[in-house]
Amino acid sequence: MNQKRRLRLMVAKPGLDGHDRGARIIARAFRDAGFEVVYTGLHQAPEEIVEAAIQEDVDMIGLWSLAGAHMYLFTTVVELLKEKGAEDIIVIGGGIVPNDDILKLKKAGIKAVFTPGTPLDEIVDWVNENIHPR
């Protein structure tokens, strides 16, 4: 019997943002949806996130930030994944992200951006439809 591997997702809080309630809620929603979840905790450097993602063999990284440094932090994670030959790990983002920045982030390789108030079911459904085990 060939059983498909469950999705492995990482939820990460890059930079100095100390507000992790939303990230913990997202991590719990992913877990409740049947995904394997790795939560990195607060104050992670992009390099730490990428190393952990590769070591944990995740299919997707979800970056959540409320601190306004999303343009640098999110795009740096994508760039580092490419440098390490792990560009097949999908990156999504969430938090307080202006609409103009959402378009820039998507052009830089962030596959989706979810802002405050997005229903958890909508995020989980997006992951189910767009992320596949590597």
C-alpha atoms as a PDB file:
ATOM      1  CA  MET A   1       0.000   0.000   0.000  1.00  0.00           C
ATOM      2  CA  ASN A   2       1.496   3.322  -1.095  1.00  0.00           C
ATOM      3  CA  GLN A   3       0.528   5.902   1.516  1.00  0.00           C
ATOM      4  CA  LYS A   4       1.105   9.579   0.751  1.00  0.00           C
ATOM      5  CA  ARG A   5       3.249  11.508   3.240  1.00  0.00           C
ATOM      6  CA  ARG A   6       1.513  14.212   5.254  1.00  0.00           C
ATOM      7  CA  LEU A   7       2.477  17.778   4.453  1.00  0.00           C
ATOM      8  CA  ARG A   8       5.227  19.182   6.686  1.00  0.00           C
ATOM      9  CA  LEU A   9       4.809  22.888   7.296  1.00  0.00           C
ATOM     10  CA  MET A  10       6.974  25.355   9.167  1.00  0.00           C
ATOM     11  CA  VAL A  11       5.579  28.432  10.868  1.00  0.00           C
ATOM     12  CA  ALA A  12       8.278  31.013  11.554  1.00  0.00           C
ATOM     13  CA  LYS A  13       8.473  34.460  13.141  1.00  0.00           C
ATOM     14  CA  PRO A  14      11.398  36.258  11.504  1.00  0.00           C
ATOM     15  CA  GLY A  15      13.056  39.340  12.906  1.00  0.00           C
ATOM     16  CA  LEU A  16      12.351  41.272  16.071  1.00  0.00           C
ATOM     17  CA  ASP A  17       8.565  40.991  16.047  1.00  0.00           C
ATOM     18  CA  GLY A  18       7.581  39.721  19.502  1.00  0.00           C
ATOM     19  CA  HIS A  19       3.912  39.089  18.791  1.00  0.00           C
ATOM     20  CA  ASP A  20       3.403  35.389  18.188  1.00  0.00           C
ATOM     21  CA  ARG A  21      -0.280  34.840  18.972  1.00  0.00           C
ATOM     22  CA  GLY A  22      -1.291  34.833  15.292  1.00  0.00           C
ATOM     23  CA  ALA A  23       1.545  32.484  14.323  1.00  0.00           C
ATOM     24  CA  ARG A  24       0.607  30.087  17.107  1.00  0.00           C
ATOM     25  CA  ILE A  25      -3.049  30.164  15.986  1.00  0.00           C
ATOM     26  CA  ILE A  26      -1.989  29.413  12.397  1.00  0.00           C
ATOM     27  CA  ALA A  27       0.279  26.582  13.582  1.00  0.00           C
ATOM     28  CA  ARG A  28      -2.607  25.085  15.569  1.00  0.00           C
ATOM     29  CA  ALA A  29      -4.969  25.390  12.587  1.00  0.00           C
ATOM     30  CA  PHE A  30      -2.437  23.588  10.393  1.00  0.00           C
ATOM     31  CA  ARG A  31      -1.999  20.848  13.007  1.00  0.00           C
ATOM     32  CA  ASP A  32      -5.775  20.462  13.381  1.00  0.00           C
ATOM     33  CA  ALA A  33      -6.038  20.136   9.579  1.00  0.00           C
ATOM     34  CA  GLY A  34      -3.743  17.107   9.723  1.00  0.00           C
ATOM     35  CA  PHE A  35      -0.453  18.689   8.706  1.00  0.00           C
ATOM     36  CA  GLU A  36       2.832  18.070  10.496  1.00  0.00           C
ATOM     37  CA  VAL A  37       3.888  21.438  11.904  1.00  0.00           C
ATOM     38  CA  VAL A  38       7.261  22.781  12.984  1.00  0.00           C
ATOM     39  CA  TYR A  39       7.079  26.083  14.892  1.00  0.00           C
ATOM     40  CA  THR A  40      10.393  27.920  15.191  1.00  0.00           C
ATOM     41  CA  GLY A  41       9.413  30.431  17.871  1.00  0.00           C
ATOM     42  CA  LEU A  42      10.212  34.116  18.020  1.00  0.00           C
ATOM     43  CA  HIS A  43      13.124  36.205  16.765  1.00  0.00           C
ATOM     44  CA  GLN A  44      14.434  33.933  14.028  1.00  0.00           C
ATOM     45  CA  ALA A  45      16.955  35.152  11.497  1.00  0.00           C
ATOM     46  CA  PRO A  46      16.241  34.253   7.868  1.00  0.00           C
ATOM     47  CA  GLU A  47      19.355  32.039   7.879  1.00  0.00           C
ATOM     48  CA  GLU A  48      18.061  30.113  10.914  1.00  0.00           C
ATOM     49  CA  ILE A  49      14.653  29.643   9.296  1.00  0.00           C
ATOM     50  CA  VAL A  50      16.144  28.306   6.065  1.00  0.00           C
ATOM     51  CA  GLU A  51      18.524  25.930   7.868  1.00  0.00           C
ATOM     52  CA  ALA A  52      15.694  24.598  10.030  1.00  0.00           C
ATOM     53  CA  ALA A  53      13.412  24.189   7.003  1.00  0.00           C
ATOM     54  CA  ILE A  54      16.025  22.152   5.164  1.00  0.00           C
ATOM     55  CA  GLN A  55      16.857  20.036   8.230  1.00  0.00           C
ATOM     56  CA  GLU A  56      13.169  19.391   8.956  1.00  0.00           C
ATOM     57  CA  ASP A  57      12.443  18.598   5.284  1.00  0.00           C
ATOM     58  CA  VAL A  58       9.396  20.867   5.171  1.00  0.00           C
ATOM     59  CA  ASP A  59       7.212  21.402   2.136  1.00  0.00           C
ATOM     60  CA  MET A  60       6.286  24.975   3.003  1.00  0.00           C
ATOM     61  CA  ILE A  61       7.409  27.843   5.216  1.00  0.00           C
ATOM     62  CA  GLY A  62       4.797  30.248   6.565  1.00  0.00           C
ATOM     63  CA  LEU A  63       6.360  33.531   7.677  1.00  0.00           C
ATOM     64  CA  TRP A  64       4.300  35.786   9.925  1.00  0.00           C
ATOM     65  CA  SER A  65       5.322  39.347  10.769  1.00  0.00           C
ATOM     66  CA  LEU A  66       3.667  42.369  12.303  1.00  0.00           C
ATOM     67  CA  ALA A  67       6.820  44.466  12.583  1.00  0.00           C
ATOM     68  CA  GLY A  68       6.937  46.007   9.099  1.00  0.00           C
ATOM     69  CA  ALA A  69      10.174  44.302   8.022  1.00  0.00           C
ATOM     70  CA  HIS A  70       8.367  41.791   5.795  1.00  0.00           C
ATOM     71  CA  MET A  71       9.888  43.042   2.537  1.00  0.00           C
ATOM     72  CA  TYR A  72      13.430  42.320   3.697  1.00  0.00           C
ATOM     73  CA  LEU A  73      12.800  39.254   5.852  1.00  0.00           C
ATOM     74  CA  PHE A  74      10.420  37.372   3.548  1.00  0.00           C
ATOM     75  CA  THR A  75      12.427  37.980   0.382  1.00  0.00           C
ATOM     76  CA  THR A  76      15.686  37.072   2.135  1.00  0.00           C
ATOM     77  CA  VAL A  77      14.235  33.671   3.056  1.00  0.00           C
ATOM     78  CA  VAL A  78      13.320  33.061  -0.598  1.00  0.00           C
ATOM     79  CA  GLU A  79      16.792  34.124  -1.758  1.00  0.00           C
ATOM     80  CA  LEU A  80      18.532  31.895   0.806  1.00  0.00           C
ATOM     81  CA  LEU A  81      16.408  28.907  -0.197  1.00  0.00           C
ATOM     82  CA  LYS A  82      17.542  29.425  -3.808  1.00  0.00           C
ATOM     83  CA  GLU A  83      21.183  29.698  -2.717  1.00  0.00           C
ATOM     84  CA  LYS A  84      20.885  26.412  -0.813  1.00  0.00           C
ATOM     85  CA  GLY A  85      19.191  24.619  -3.726  1.00  0.00           C
ATOM     86  CA  ALA A  86      15.927  24.339  -1.790  1.00  0.00           C
ATOM     87  CA  GLU A  87      13.733  26.601  -3.915  1.00  0.00           C
ATOM     88  CA  ASP A  88      11.156  23.801  -4.055  1.00  0.00           C
ATOM     89  CA  ILE A  89      10.161  24.740  -0.492  1.00  0.00           C
ATOM     90  CA  ILE A  90       7.160  27.026  -0.941  1.00  0.00           C
ATOM     91  CA  VAL A  91       7.077  30.255   1.085  1.00  0.00           C
ATOM     92  CA  ILE A  92       3.909  32.066   2.125  1.00  0.00           C
ATOM     93  CA  GLY A  93       3.549  35.124   4.312  1.00  0.00           C
ATOM     94  CA  GLY A  94       1.121  36.704   6.659  1.00  0.00           C
ATOM     95  CA  GLY A  95       0.663  39.617   8.990  1.00  0.00           C
ATOM     96  CA  ILE A  96       0.243  43.306   8.502  1.00  0.00           C
ATOM     97  CA  VAL A  97       1.295  43.726   4.880  1.00  0.00           C
ATOM     98  CA  PRO A  98       0.123  46.688   2.761  1.00  0.00           C
ATOM     99  CA  ASN A  99      -1.532  45.796  -0.556  1.00  0.00           C
ATOM    100  CA  ASP A 100       1.312  47.372  -2.555  1.00  0.00           C
ATOM    101  CA  ASP A 101       3.810  45.163  -0.747  1.00  0.00           C
ATOM    102  CA  ILE A 102       1.752  42.026  -1.384  1.00  0.00           C
ATOM    103  CA  LEU A 103       2.280  42.427  -5.122  1.00  0.00           C
ATOM    104  CA  LYS A 104       6.027  42.994  -4.634  1.00  0.00           C
ATOM    105  CA  LEU A 105       6.322  39.968  -2.365  1.00  0.00           C
ATOM    106  CA  LYS A 106       4.569  37.759  -4.896  1.00  0.00           C
ATOM    107  CA  LYS A 107       6.927  38.961  -7.631  1.00  0.00           C
ATOM    108  CA  ALA A 108       9.827  38.075  -5.313  1.00  0.00           C
ATOM    109  CA  GLY A 109       8.609  34.494  -4.913  1.00  0.00           C
ATOM    110  CA  ILE A 110       6.202  34.527  -1.974  1.00  0.00           C
ATOM    111  CA  LYS A 111       3.344  32.331  -3.227  1.00  0.00           C
ATOM    112  CA  ALA A 112       0.552  33.814  -1.081  1.00  0.00           C
ATOM    113  CA  VAL A 113       0.107  36.517   1.548  1.00  0.00           C
ATOM    114  CA  PHE A 114      -2.639  36.395   4.169  1.00  0.00           C
ATOM    115  CA  THR A 115      -3.546  39.507   6.121  1.00  0.00           C
ATOM    116  CA  PRO A 116      -5.261  39.816   9.508  1.00  0.00           C
ATOM    117  CA  GLY A 117      -8.863  38.689   9.407  1.00  0.00           C
ATOM    118  CA  THR A 118      -8.337  36.006   6.774  1.00  0.00           C
ATOM    119  CA  PRO A 119     -10.422  33.018   7.904  1.00  0.00           C
ATOM    120  CA  LEU A 120      -8.268  30.095   9.024  1.00  0.00           C
ATOM    121  CA  ASP A 121     -10.283  27.751   6.801  1.00  0.00           C
ATOM    122  CA  GLU A 122      -9.333  29.861   3.786  1.00  0.00           C
ATOM    123  CA  ILE A 123      -5.624  29.556   4.602  1.00  0.00           C
ATOM    124  CA  VAL A 124      -5.876  25.804   5.228  1.00  0.00           C
ATOM    125  CA  ASP A 125      -7.839  25.348   1.991  1.00  0.00           C
ATOM    126  CA  TRP A 126      -5.176  27.298   0.067  1.00  0.00           C
ATOM    127  CA  VAL A 127      -2.460  25.042   1.488  1.00  0.00           C
ATOM    128  CA  ASN A 128      -4.441  21.891   0.649  1.00  0.00           C
ATOM    129  CA  GLU A 129      -4.928  23.067  -2.940  1.00  0.00           C
ATOM    130  CA  ASN A 130      -1.435  24.443  -3.603  1.00  0.00           C
ATOM    131  CA  ILE A 131       1.129  22.581  -1.507  1.00  0.00           C
ATOM    132  CA  HIS A 132       2.176  18.998  -2.199  1.00  0.00           C
ATOM    133  CA  PRO A 133       4.753  16.795  -0.507  1.00  0.00           C
ATOM    134  CA  ARG A 134       8.171  17.315  -2.094  1.00  0.00           C
END
